[in-house]
Amino acid sequence: MLQRTDPGPRAIGVGVSRSGDPLTAVREAAADLDTDRCCFVMAVVPDRLNRDALTAAFDECLAGVQVIGCTTAGQITPQGYEDDALLLLAFPRAHFRCATQLIAPLNPLSIEKVSADARRLSAQFPQSAHWHRLALIFADGLSMREDLLVAALAGGWTGCRSLAGQPATRCNFEVRPSCTTGGFTVTLRC
């Protein structure tokens, strides 16, 4: 495998920590990010980190930056596949804009409401010559509603690519926004 010592310029910032302490993990991973120019941070969180402490750490270390994310059983980091690393991806304002929507409950799922919410979000980002639109979808795989959710969302937006993900665990999760920074709290039900 080719090892590069200088990865060169990146549009997306990458921060990784393997610490088991949520505050230390967020501090270490955030230290590699340019949060002053950041539109939002996507967090890929290993199951072992305490969610309440992690949310508090995001509020402290990434104040003013919107944090979205999900739990996972594995992360693809610059060092390859890992299953215990906190991965933070920083999307700069120069290239990205962000709007989030928590869709709950997934079961039962209101197709009409989801489509209307997708149209509202889509209207915030009209298509233009130099901007592309992408929807990141994080859904609970145990809800058995992913296909229906994506179909309902697709009915609400046009010209938008989507990327869907789900936790790779056997746990059900809920995502709630944080009041202070737009971060998240994940509640697991195993």
N, C-alpha and C. Protein backbone atom coordinates (compact mmCIF):
# COMPACT_ATOMS: atom_id res chain seq x y z
N MET A 1 0.83 -1.17 0.00
CA MET A 1 0.00 0.00 0.00
C MET A 1 0.88 1.24 0.00
N LEU A 2 0.52 2.22 -0.81
CA LEU A 2 1.25 3.47 -0.90
C LEU A 2 0.97 4.33 0.32
N GLN A 3 1.99 4.75 1.02
CA GLN A 3 1.83 5.62 2.19
C GLN A 3 2.23 7.03 1.80
N ARG A 4 1.30 7.96 1.90
CA ARG A 4 1.59 9.36 1.60
C ARG A 4 1.85 10.09 2.90
N THR A 5 2.94 10.83 2.96
CA THR A 5 3.21 11.61 4.16
C THR A 5 2.46 12.94 4.12
N ASP A 6 2.21 13.48 2.93
CA ASP A 6 1.44 14.72 2.78
C ASP A 6 0.23 14.41 1.93
N PRO A 7 -0.96 14.36 2.55
CA PRO A 7 -2.15 14.02 1.78
C PRO A 7 -2.58 15.11 0.82
N GLY A 8 -1.94 16.29 0.86
CA GLY A 8 -2.31 17.37 -0.04
C GLY A 8 -3.54 18.10 0.44
N PRO A 9 -3.99 19.06 -0.34
CA PRO A 9 -5.15 19.84 0.08
C PRO A 9 -6.42 19.00 0.09
N ARG A 10 -7.30 19.32 1.04
CA ARG A 10 -8.57 18.61 1.14
C ARG A 10 -9.69 19.63 1.26
N ALA A 11 -10.80 19.33 0.62
CA ALA A 11 -11.97 20.19 0.77
C ALA A 11 -12.65 19.90 2.10
N ILE A 12 -12.57 18.68 2.57
CA ILE A 12 -13.23 18.28 3.80
C ILE A 12 -12.16 17.98 4.85
N GLY A 13 -12.29 18.61 6.02
CA GLY A 13 -11.36 18.36 7.10
C GLY A 13 -11.66 17.04 7.79
N VAL A 14 -10.62 16.37 8.24
CA VAL A 14 -10.78 15.07 8.90
C VAL A 14 -10.07 15.10 10.24
N GLY A 15 -10.80 14.73 11.29
CA GLY A 15 -10.22 14.61 12.62
C GLY A 15 -10.57 13.25 13.20
N VAL A 16 -9.59 12.61 13.83
CA VAL A 16 -9.80 11.26 14.37
C VAL A 16 -9.23 11.20 15.78
N SER A 17 -9.93 10.51 16.66
CA SER A 17 -9.41 10.22 17.99
C SER A 17 -9.79 8.80 18.37
N ARG A 18 -8.90 8.16 19.10
CA ARG A 18 -9.16 6.81 19.59
C ARG A 18 -9.35 6.79 21.11
N SER A 19 -9.45 7.97 21.70
CA SER A 19 -9.62 8.07 23.15
C SER A 19 -10.98 7.50 23.56
N GLY A 20 -11.01 6.86 24.72
CA GLY A 20 -12.26 6.35 25.27
C GLY A 20 -13.02 7.38 26.08
N ASP A 21 -12.40 8.52 26.34
CA ASP A 21 -13.04 9.60 27.08
C ASP A 21 -13.67 10.57 26.07
N PRO A 22 -14.99 10.80 26.12
CA PRO A 22 -15.65 11.64 25.11
C PRO A 22 -15.06 13.04 24.97
N LEU A 23 -14.76 13.73 26.07
CA LEU A 23 -14.22 15.08 25.98
C LEU A 23 -12.84 15.07 25.33
N THR A 24 -11.99 14.15 25.75
CA THR A 24 -10.66 14.03 25.15
C THR A 24 -10.77 13.67 23.67
N ALA A 25 -11.66 12.75 23.34
CA ALA A 25 -11.84 12.33 21.94
C ALA A 25 -12.26 13.51 21.06
N VAL A 26 -13.23 14.29 21.52
CA VAL A 26 -13.68 15.43 20.71
C VAL A 26 -12.58 16.48 20.61
N ARG A 27 -11.89 16.75 21.71
CA ARG A 27 -10.79 17.73 21.67
C ARG A 27 -9.72 17.30 20.67
N GLU A 28 -9.32 16.02 20.74
CA GLU A 28 -8.27 15.53 19.84
C GLU A 28 -8.71 15.60 18.38
N ALA A 29 -9.92 15.11 18.09
CA ALA A 29 -10.39 15.10 16.71
C ALA A 29 -10.63 16.52 16.20
N ALA A 30 -11.19 17.39 17.03
CA ALA A 30 -11.48 18.77 16.61
C ALA A 30 -10.21 19.59 16.40
N ALA A 31 -9.11 19.20 17.06
CA ALA A 31 -7.85 19.94 16.91
C ALA A 31 -7.35 19.91 15.46
N ASP A 32 -7.75 18.91 14.70
CA ASP A 32 -7.31 18.79 13.30
C ASP A 32 -8.25 19.49 12.32
N LEU A 33 -9.27 20.16 12.83
CA LEU A 33 -10.28 20.79 11.96
C LEU A 33 -10.18 22.30 12.00
N ASP A 34 -10.50 22.95 10.90
CA ASP A 34 -10.59 24.40 10.84
C ASP A 34 -12.04 24.78 11.10
N THR A 35 -12.41 24.85 12.37
CA THR A 35 -13.80 25.09 12.72
C THR A 35 -14.25 26.52 12.45
N ASP A 36 -13.30 27.47 12.31
CA ASP A 36 -13.68 28.84 12.00
C ASP A 36 -14.29 28.97 10.61
N ARG A 37 -13.93 28.08 9.72
CA ARG A 37 -14.46 28.12 8.35
C ARG A 37 -15.45 27.00 8.08
N CYS A 38 -15.91 26.38 9.12
CA CYS A 38 -16.72 25.18 9.00
C CYS A 38 -18.21 25.50 8.93
N CYS A 39 -18.91 24.85 8.01
CA CYS A 39 -20.37 24.95 7.92
C CYS A 39 -21.01 23.96 8.88
N PHE A 40 -20.54 22.72 8.85
CA PHE A 40 -21.03 21.71 9.77
C PHE A 40 -20.00 20.60 9.91
N VAL A 41 -20.14 19.83 10.98
CA VAL A 41 -19.28 18.68 11.23
C VAL A 41 -20.16 17.44 11.26
N MET A 42 -19.72 16.42 10.56
CA MET A 42 -20.39 15.12 10.60
C MET A 42 -19.57 14.22 11.52
N ALA A 43 -20.22 13.67 12.54
CA ALA A 43 -19.55 12.81 13.51
C ALA A 43 -19.95 11.36 13.28
N VAL A 44 -18.96 10.50 13.16
CA VAL A 44 -19.19 9.06 13.07
C VAL A 44 -18.67 8.50 14.39
N VAL A 45 -19.61 8.01 15.21
CA VAL A 45 -19.35 7.76 16.62
C VAL A 45 -19.32 6.27 16.93
N PRO A 46 -18.24 5.79 17.58
CA PRO A 46 -18.24 4.39 18.01
C PRO A 46 -19.19 4.18 19.19
N ASP A 47 -19.75 3.01 19.29
CA ASP A 47 -20.73 2.70 20.34
C ASP A 47 -20.21 2.93 21.75
N ARG A 48 -18.91 2.82 21.98
CA ARG A 48 -18.38 2.82 23.33
C ARG A 48 -18.39 4.19 24.00
N LEU A 49 -18.57 5.28 23.24
CA LEU A 49 -18.54 6.61 23.84
C LEU A 49 -19.90 6.98 24.44
N ASN A 50 -19.88 7.47 25.67
CA ASN A 50 -21.09 7.89 26.36
C ASN A 50 -21.73 9.06 25.62
N ARG A 51 -23.02 8.91 25.25
CA ARG A 51 -23.69 9.90 24.42
C ARG A 51 -23.91 11.24 25.11
N ASP A 52 -24.30 11.23 26.37
CA ASP A 52 -24.51 12.49 27.07
C ASP A 52 -23.20 13.26 27.22
N ALA A 53 -22.14 12.57 27.59
CA ALA A 53 -20.83 13.21 27.72
C ALA A 53 -20.32 13.68 26.35
N LEU A 54 -20.63 12.92 25.31
CA LEU A 54 -20.21 13.30 23.96
C LEU A 54 -20.92 14.58 23.51
N THR A 55 -22.22 14.67 23.77
CA THR A 55 -22.97 15.87 23.42
C THR A 55 -22.40 17.08 24.15
N ALA A 56 -22.11 16.93 25.44
CA ALA A 56 -21.51 18.02 26.21
C ALA A 56 -20.15 18.41 25.63
N ALA A 57 -19.37 17.42 25.19
CA ALA A 57 -18.06 17.69 24.60
C ALA A 57 -18.21 18.45 23.28
N PHE A 58 -19.18 18.07 22.46
CA PHE A 58 -19.43 18.81 21.22
C PHE A 58 -19.81 20.25 21.54
N ASP A 59 -20.68 20.44 22.53
CA ASP A 59 -21.10 21.78 22.92
C ASP A 59 -19.91 22.62 23.37
N GLU A 60 -18.96 22.01 24.08
CA GLU A 60 -17.80 22.74 24.57
C GLU A 60 -16.76 22.99 23.47
N CYS A 61 -16.44 21.96 22.71
CA CYS A 61 -15.31 22.04 21.76
C CYS A 61 -15.70 22.56 20.38
N LEU A 62 -16.95 22.43 20.02
CA LEU A 62 -17.39 22.86 18.69
C LEU A 62 -18.53 23.87 18.81
N ALA A 63 -18.43 24.74 19.80
CA ALA A 63 -19.47 25.74 20.03
C ALA A 63 -19.71 26.56 18.77
N GLY A 64 -20.98 26.67 18.40
CA GLY A 64 -21.34 27.46 17.23
C GLY A 64 -21.30 26.69 15.92
N VAL A 65 -20.83 25.46 15.94
CA VAL A 65 -20.77 24.63 14.73
C VAL A 65 -21.86 23.57 14.81
N GLN A 66 -22.63 23.42 13.75
CA GLN A 66 -23.66 22.40 13.74
C GLN A 66 -23.00 21.03 13.62
N VAL A 67 -23.40 20.10 14.49
CA VAL A 67 -22.85 18.74 14.47
C VAL A 67 -24.00 17.78 14.18
N ILE A 68 -23.80 16.94 13.16
CA ILE A 68 -24.75 15.88 12.85
C ILE A 68 -23.98 14.58 12.89
N GLY A 69 -24.66 13.46 13.06
CA GLY A 69 -23.92 12.22 13.07
C GLY A 69 -24.74 11.03 13.46
N CYS A 70 -24.04 9.91 13.55
CA CYS A 70 -24.70 8.66 13.94
C CYS A 70 -23.68 7.75 14.60
N THR A 71 -24.22 6.76 15.30
CA THR A 71 -23.36 5.73 15.86
C THR A 71 -23.07 4.72 14.76
N THR A 72 -22.00 3.98 14.95
CA THR A 72 -21.62 2.99 13.95
C THR A 72 -20.71 1.94 14.60
N ALA A 73 -20.63 0.81 13.97
CA ALA A 73 -19.74 -0.25 14.45
C ALA A 73 -18.39 -0.18 13.75
N GLY A 74 -18.20 0.79 12.86
CA GLY A 74 -16.93 0.92 12.17
C GLY A 74 -16.83 2.24 11.43
N GLN A 75 -15.61 2.73 11.30
CA GLN A 75 -15.35 3.98 10.62
C GLN A 75 -14.25 3.78 9.59
N ILE A 76 -14.30 4.51 8.51
CA ILE A 76 -13.21 4.51 7.53
C ILE A 76 -12.46 5.81 7.77
N THR A 77 -11.26 5.68 8.35
CA THR A 77 -10.43 6.83 8.69
C THR A 77 -9.29 6.92 7.68
N PRO A 78 -8.48 7.98 7.75
CA PRO A 78 -7.32 8.06 6.87
C PRO A 78 -6.35 6.88 7.05
N GLN A 79 -6.44 6.19 8.20
CA GLN A 79 -5.57 5.03 8.44
C GLN A 79 -6.24 3.71 8.01
N GLY A 80 -7.46 3.78 7.50
CA GLY A 80 -8.16 2.57 7.08
C GLY A 80 -9.35 2.29 7.97
N TYR A 81 -9.87 1.06 7.91
CA TYR A 81 -11.04 0.69 8.70
C TYR A 81 -10.67 0.58 10.17
N GLU A 82 -11.51 1.18 11.02
CA GLU A 82 -11.34 1.10 12.47
C GLU A 82 -12.71 0.90 13.08
N ASP A 83 -12.75 0.35 14.28
CA ASP A 83 -14.05 0.16 14.93
C ASP A 83 -14.15 0.84 16.28
N ASP A 84 -13.15 1.66 16.63
CA ASP A 84 -13.22 2.32 17.94
C ASP A 84 -12.83 3.79 17.88
N ALA A 85 -12.79 4.37 16.69
CA ALA A 85 -12.35 5.75 16.54
C ALA A 85 -13.54 6.70 16.40
N LEU A 86 -13.42 7.88 16.99
CA LEU A 86 -14.35 8.96 16.72
C LEU A 86 -13.83 9.65 15.47
N LEU A 87 -14.67 9.74 14.46
CA LEU A 87 -14.30 10.37 13.19
C LEU A 87 -15.13 11.63 13.01
N LEU A 88 -14.48 12.77 12.84
CA LEU A 88 -15.16 14.03 12.57
C LEU A 88 -14.79 14.50 11.18
N LEU A 89 -15.79 14.82 10.38
CA LEU A 89 -15.58 15.34 9.04
C LEU A 89 -16.13 16.77 9.01
N ALA A 90 -15.26 17.74 8.71
CA ALA A 90 -15.65 19.15 8.70
C ALA A 90 -15.89 19.60 7.26
N PHE A 91 -17.08 20.10 7.02
CA PHE A 91 -17.47 20.56 5.70
C PHE A 91 -17.39 22.09 5.68
N PRO A 92 -16.48 22.68 4.90
CA PRO A 92 -16.26 24.13 4.94
C PRO A 92 -17.40 24.93 4.27
N ARG A 93 -17.66 26.13 4.83
CA ARG A 93 -18.70 27.00 4.28
C ARG A 93 -18.43 27.39 2.83
N ALA A 94 -17.18 27.43 2.43
CA ALA A 94 -16.86 27.82 1.05
C ALA A 94 -17.44 26.84 0.03
N HIS A 95 -17.70 25.61 0.46
CA HIS A 95 -18.19 24.60 -0.48
C HIS A 95 -19.52 23.99 -0.09
N PHE A 96 -19.98 24.19 1.15
CA PHE A 96 -21.16 23.49 1.63
C PHE A 96 -22.10 24.42 2.38
N ARG A 97 -23.39 24.09 2.30
CA ARG A 97 -24.42 24.68 3.13
C ARG A 97 -25.20 23.51 3.72
N CYS A 98 -25.88 23.76 4.82
CA CYS A 98 -26.50 22.63 5.51
C CYS A 98 -27.85 23.01 6.12
N ALA A 99 -28.78 22.09 6.01
CA ALA A 99 -30.05 22.17 6.74
C ALA A 99 -30.33 20.76 7.24
N THR A 100 -30.86 20.64 8.44
CA THR A 100 -31.13 19.32 9.00
C THR A 100 -32.60 19.18 9.35
N GLN A 101 -33.04 17.94 9.36
CA GLN A 101 -34.42 17.63 9.72
C GLN A 101 -34.43 16.29 10.43
N LEU A 102 -34.94 16.28 11.65
CA LEU A 102 -35.15 15.03 12.37
C LEU A 102 -36.51 14.50 11.96
N ILE A 103 -36.56 13.29 11.46
CA ILE A 103 -37.80 12.67 11.05
C ILE A 103 -38.13 11.58 12.07
N ALA A 104 -39.18 11.85 12.83
CA ALA A 104 -39.58 10.90 13.86
C ALA A 104 -41.10 10.99 14.02
N PRO A 105 -41.71 9.90 14.24
CA PRO A 105 -41.16 8.55 14.28
C PRO A 105 -41.02 7.97 12.88
N LEU A 106 -40.20 6.94 12.76
CA LEU A 106 -40.08 6.22 11.49
C LEU A 106 -41.17 5.15 11.35
N ASN A 107 -41.74 4.76 12.49
CA ASN A 107 -42.78 3.75 12.44
C ASN A 107 -43.87 4.13 13.44
N PRO A 108 -45.01 4.63 13.01
CA PRO A 108 -45.45 4.77 11.62
C PRO A 108 -44.82 6.01 10.98
N LEU A 109 -44.67 5.96 9.67
CA LEU A 109 -44.05 7.03 8.90
C LEU A 109 -45.12 7.74 8.08
N SER A 110 -45.21 9.05 8.22
CA SER A 110 -46.15 9.84 7.43
C SER A 110 -45.48 10.27 6.13
N ILE A 111 -45.82 9.59 5.04
CA ILE A 111 -45.22 9.91 3.74
C ILE A 111 -45.51 11.35 3.35
N GLU A 112 -46.71 11.81 3.57
CA GLU A 112 -47.08 13.17 3.20
C GLU A 112 -46.25 14.19 3.97
N LYS A 113 -46.09 13.99 5.28
CA LYS A 113 -45.31 14.93 6.09
C LYS A 113 -43.84 14.91 5.70
N VAL A 114 -43.29 13.73 5.49
CA VAL A 114 -41.87 13.62 5.11
C VAL A 114 -41.64 14.30 3.76
N SER A 115 -42.52 14.07 2.80
CA SER A 115 -42.37 14.71 1.48
C SER A 115 -42.48 16.22 1.59
N ALA A 116 -43.42 16.71 2.39
CA ALA A 116 -43.57 18.16 2.58
C ALA A 116 -42.34 18.76 3.25
N ASP A 117 -41.80 18.07 4.26
CA ASP A 117 -40.57 18.54 4.93
C ASP A 117 -39.41 18.56 3.94
N ALA A 118 -39.31 17.54 3.09
CA ALA A 118 -38.23 17.50 2.09
C ALA A 118 -38.37 18.65 1.10
N ARG A 119 -39.59 18.97 0.69
CA ARG A 119 -39.80 20.11 -0.23
C ARG A 119 -39.38 21.41 0.45
N ARG A 120 -39.71 21.56 1.73
CA ARG A 120 -39.33 22.77 2.46
C ARG A 120 -37.81 22.90 2.56
N LEU A 121 -37.14 21.81 2.90
CA LEU A 121 -35.67 21.85 2.97
C LEU A 121 -35.06 22.11 1.59
N SER A 122 -35.59 21.47 0.58
CA SER A 122 -35.09 21.63 -0.78
C SER A 122 -35.22 23.07 -1.26
N ALA A 123 -36.29 23.74 -0.86
CA ALA A 123 -36.52 25.12 -1.27
C ALA A 123 -35.47 26.07 -0.70
N GLN A 124 -34.82 25.68 0.40
CA GLN A 124 -33.77 26.51 0.99
C GLN A 124 -32.51 26.54 0.13
N PHE A 125 -32.40 25.56 -0.77
CA PHE A 125 -31.20 25.43 -1.58
C PHE A 125 -31.56 25.30 -3.06
N PRO A 126 -31.97 26.38 -3.69
CA PRO A 126 -32.32 26.28 -5.11
C PRO A 126 -31.09 25.88 -5.93
N GLN A 127 -31.36 25.16 -7.01
CA GLN A 127 -30.26 24.74 -7.87
C GLN A 127 -29.63 25.95 -8.53
N SER A 128 -28.31 25.93 -8.65
CA SER A 128 -27.58 27.00 -9.34
C SER A 128 -26.44 26.36 -10.12
N ALA A 129 -25.82 27.16 -10.95
CA ALA A 129 -24.82 26.64 -11.88
C ALA A 129 -23.60 26.04 -11.18
N HIS A 130 -23.23 26.57 -10.04
CA HIS A 130 -21.99 26.13 -9.41
C HIS A 130 -22.18 25.38 -8.10
N TRP A 131 -23.42 25.04 -7.76
CA TRP A 131 -23.69 24.30 -6.54
C TRP A 131 -24.39 22.99 -6.87
N HIS A 132 -24.01 21.95 -6.18
CA HIS A 132 -24.67 20.66 -6.31
C HIS A 132 -25.32 20.34 -4.97
N ARG A 133 -26.39 19.59 -5.00
CA ARG A 133 -27.10 19.27 -3.77
C ARG A 133 -26.94 17.79 -3.45
N LEU A 134 -26.77 17.52 -2.15
CA LEU A 134 -26.60 16.16 -1.66
C LEU A 134 -27.36 16.03 -0.36
N ALA A 135 -28.10 14.96 -0.22
CA ALA A 135 -28.81 14.68 1.03
C ALA A 135 -28.12 13.52 1.73
N LEU A 136 -27.75 13.72 2.97
CA LEU A 136 -27.19 12.64 3.79
C LEU A 136 -28.31 12.12 4.67
N ILE A 137 -28.58 10.85 4.60
CA ILE A 137 -29.69 10.26 5.34
C ILE A 137 -29.13 9.22 6.30
N PHE A 138 -29.42 9.40 7.58
CA PHE A 138 -29.04 8.43 8.59
C PHE A 138 -30.32 7.85 9.16
N ALA A 139 -30.53 6.56 8.97
CA ALA A 139 -31.79 5.94 9.38
C ALA A 139 -31.54 4.70 10.21
N ASP A 140 -32.43 4.46 11.14
CA ASP A 140 -32.38 3.28 11.98
C ASP A 140 -32.74 2.06 11.14
N GLY A 141 -31.79 1.20 10.88
CA GLY A 141 -32.01 0.02 10.06
C GLY A 141 -33.00 -0.97 10.64
N LEU A 142 -33.17 -0.96 11.96
CA LEU A 142 -34.12 -1.88 12.58
C LEU A 142 -35.56 -1.40 12.47
N SER A 143 -35.75 -0.19 11.98
CA SER A 143 -37.11 0.31 11.82
C SER A 143 -37.83 -0.37 10.66
N MET A 144 -37.05 -0.95 9.76
CA MET A 144 -37.58 -1.60 8.56
C MET A 144 -38.35 -0.60 7.70
N ARG A 145 -37.96 0.67 7.76
CA ARG A 145 -38.65 1.73 7.03
C ARG A 145 -37.71 2.52 6.11
N GLU A 146 -36.48 2.06 5.93
CA GLU A 146 -35.51 2.84 5.15
C GLU A 146 -35.98 3.07 3.73
N ASP A 147 -36.48 2.04 3.06
CA ASP A 147 -36.91 2.19 1.67
C ASP A 147 -38.08 3.16 1.56
N LEU A 148 -39.03 3.04 2.48
CA LEU A 148 -40.18 3.93 2.48
C LEU A 148 -39.75 5.37 2.78
N LEU A 149 -38.82 5.53 3.71
CA LEU A 149 -38.31 6.86 4.05
C LEU A 149 -37.66 7.51 2.84
N VAL A 150 -36.77 6.79 2.17
CA VAL A 150 -36.07 7.35 1.01
C VAL A 150 -37.06 7.67 -0.11
N ALA A 151 -38.06 6.82 -0.32
CA ALA A 151 -39.07 7.09 -1.34
C ALA A 151 -39.86 8.35 -1.01
N ALA A 152 -40.22 8.52 0.26
CA ALA A 152 -40.96 9.72 0.68
C ALA A 152 -40.10 10.97 0.52
N LEU A 153 -38.83 10.88 0.87
CA LEU A 153 -37.93 12.02 0.71
C LEU A 153 -37.75 12.36 -0.77
N ALA A 154 -37.56 11.34 -1.58
CA ALA A 154 -37.36 11.57 -3.03
C ALA A 154 -38.57 12.25 -3.65
N GLY A 155 -39.75 12.01 -3.10
CA GLY A 155 -40.94 12.68 -3.60
C GLY A 155 -40.97 14.15 -3.29
N GLY A 156 -40.13 14.59 -2.38
CA GLY A 156 -40.11 15.98 -1.96
C GLY A 156 -39.00 16.82 -2.54
N TRP A 157 -37.99 16.21 -3.08
CA TRP A 157 -36.91 17.01 -3.65
C TRP A 157 -36.63 16.58 -5.08
N THR A 158 -36.06 17.51 -5.82
CA THR A 158 -35.67 17.22 -7.20
C THR A 158 -34.23 17.68 -7.38
N GLY A 159 -33.51 17.00 -8.22
CA GLY A 159 -32.13 17.38 -8.51
C GLY A 159 -31.19 17.24 -7.34
N CYS A 160 -31.49 16.33 -6.45
CA CYS A 160 -30.67 16.16 -5.25
C CYS A 160 -30.24 14.71 -5.14
N ARG A 161 -28.94 14.49 -5.06
CA ARG A 161 -28.44 13.14 -4.84
C ARG A 161 -28.59 12.82 -3.36
N SER A 162 -28.68 11.54 -3.05
CA SER A 162 -28.79 11.18 -1.64
C SER A 162 -27.79 10.09 -1.30
N LEU A 163 -27.36 10.10 -0.05
CA LEU A 163 -26.47 9.10 0.49
C LEU A 163 -27.06 8.67 1.81
N ALA A 164 -27.39 7.39 1.92
CA ALA A 164 -28.05 6.90 3.13
C ALA A 164 -27.10 6.01 3.93
N GLY A 165 -27.25 6.05 5.24
CA GLY A 165 -26.46 5.20 6.11
C GLY A 165 -27.29 4.76 7.29
N GLN A 166 -26.84 3.73 7.94
CA GLN A 166 -27.54 3.26 9.13
C GLN A 166 -26.50 2.69 10.08
N PRO A 167 -26.83 2.64 11.37
CA PRO A 167 -25.86 2.09 12.31
C PRO A 167 -25.65 0.61 12.04
N ALA A 168 -24.42 0.19 12.19
CA ALA A 168 -24.09 -1.21 11.93
C ALA A 168 -24.12 -2.02 13.21
N THR A 169 -25.08 -1.73 14.04
CA THR A 169 -25.21 -2.46 15.30
C THR A 169 -26.60 -3.06 15.38
N ARG A 170 -26.84 -3.82 16.40
CA ARG A 170 -28.18 -4.38 16.60
C ARG A 170 -28.94 -3.54 17.62
N CYS A 171 -28.68 -2.26 17.62
CA CYS A 171 -29.35 -1.35 18.54
C CYS A 171 -30.25 -0.40 17.77
N ASN A 172 -31.35 -0.04 18.39
CA ASN A 172 -32.24 0.97 17.86
C ASN A 172 -31.77 2.30 18.43
N PHE A 173 -31.81 3.39 17.66
CA PHE A 173 -31.37 4.66 18.21
C PHE A 173 -32.31 5.78 17.83
N GLU A 174 -32.31 6.81 18.68
CA GLU A 174 -33.04 8.03 18.42
C GLU A 174 -32.01 9.15 18.39
N VAL A 175 -32.20 10.14 17.53
CA VAL A 175 -31.31 11.28 17.48
C VAL A 175 -32.10 12.51 17.86
N ARG A 176 -31.57 13.26 18.83
CA ARG A 176 -32.21 14.51 19.24
C ARG A 176 -31.21 15.63 19.08
N PRO A 177 -31.64 16.79 18.57
CA PRO A 177 -30.70 17.91 18.44
C PRO A 177 -30.32 18.47 19.79
N SER A 178 -29.12 19.00 19.88
CA SER A 178 -28.67 19.67 21.10
C SER A 178 -29.17 21.10 21.07
N CYS A 179 -29.56 21.62 22.19
CA CYS A 179 -30.12 22.97 22.24
C CYS A 179 -29.08 24.05 21.97
N THR A 180 -27.83 23.80 22.31
CA THR A 180 -26.85 24.89 22.24
C THR A 180 -26.12 24.99 20.92
N THR A 181 -25.71 23.89 20.32
CA THR A 181 -24.93 23.98 19.09
C THR A 181 -25.56 23.28 17.91
N GLY A 182 -26.69 22.66 18.08
CA GLY A 182 -27.23 21.88 16.98
C GLY A 182 -26.58 20.51 16.93
N GLY A 183 -25.86 20.14 17.99
CA GLY A 183 -25.24 18.82 18.05
C GLY A 183 -26.29 17.75 18.24
N PHE A 184 -25.92 16.58 18.65
CA PHE A 184 -26.88 15.51 18.76
C PHE A 184 -26.69 14.73 20.03
N THR A 185 -27.75 14.08 20.43
CA THR A 185 -27.73 13.10 21.51
C THR A 185 -28.29 11.82 20.92
N VAL A 186 -27.65 10.73 21.15
CA VAL A 186 -28.12 9.45 20.64
C VAL A 186 -28.57 8.60 21.82
N THR A 187 -29.78 8.12 21.79
CA THR A 187 -30.29 7.22 22.82
C THR A 187 -30.38 5.84 22.23
N LEU A 188 -29.68 4.89 22.82
CA LEU A 188 -29.68 3.52 22.32
C LEU A 188 -30.71 2.68 23.05
N ARG A 189 -31.38 1.83 22.31
CA ARG A 189 -32.28 0.83 22.90
C ARG A 189 -31.90 -0.51 22.30
N CYS A 190 -31.17 -1.31 23.07
CA CYS A 190 -30.68 -2.60 22.57
C CYS A 190 -31.57 -3.74 23.05
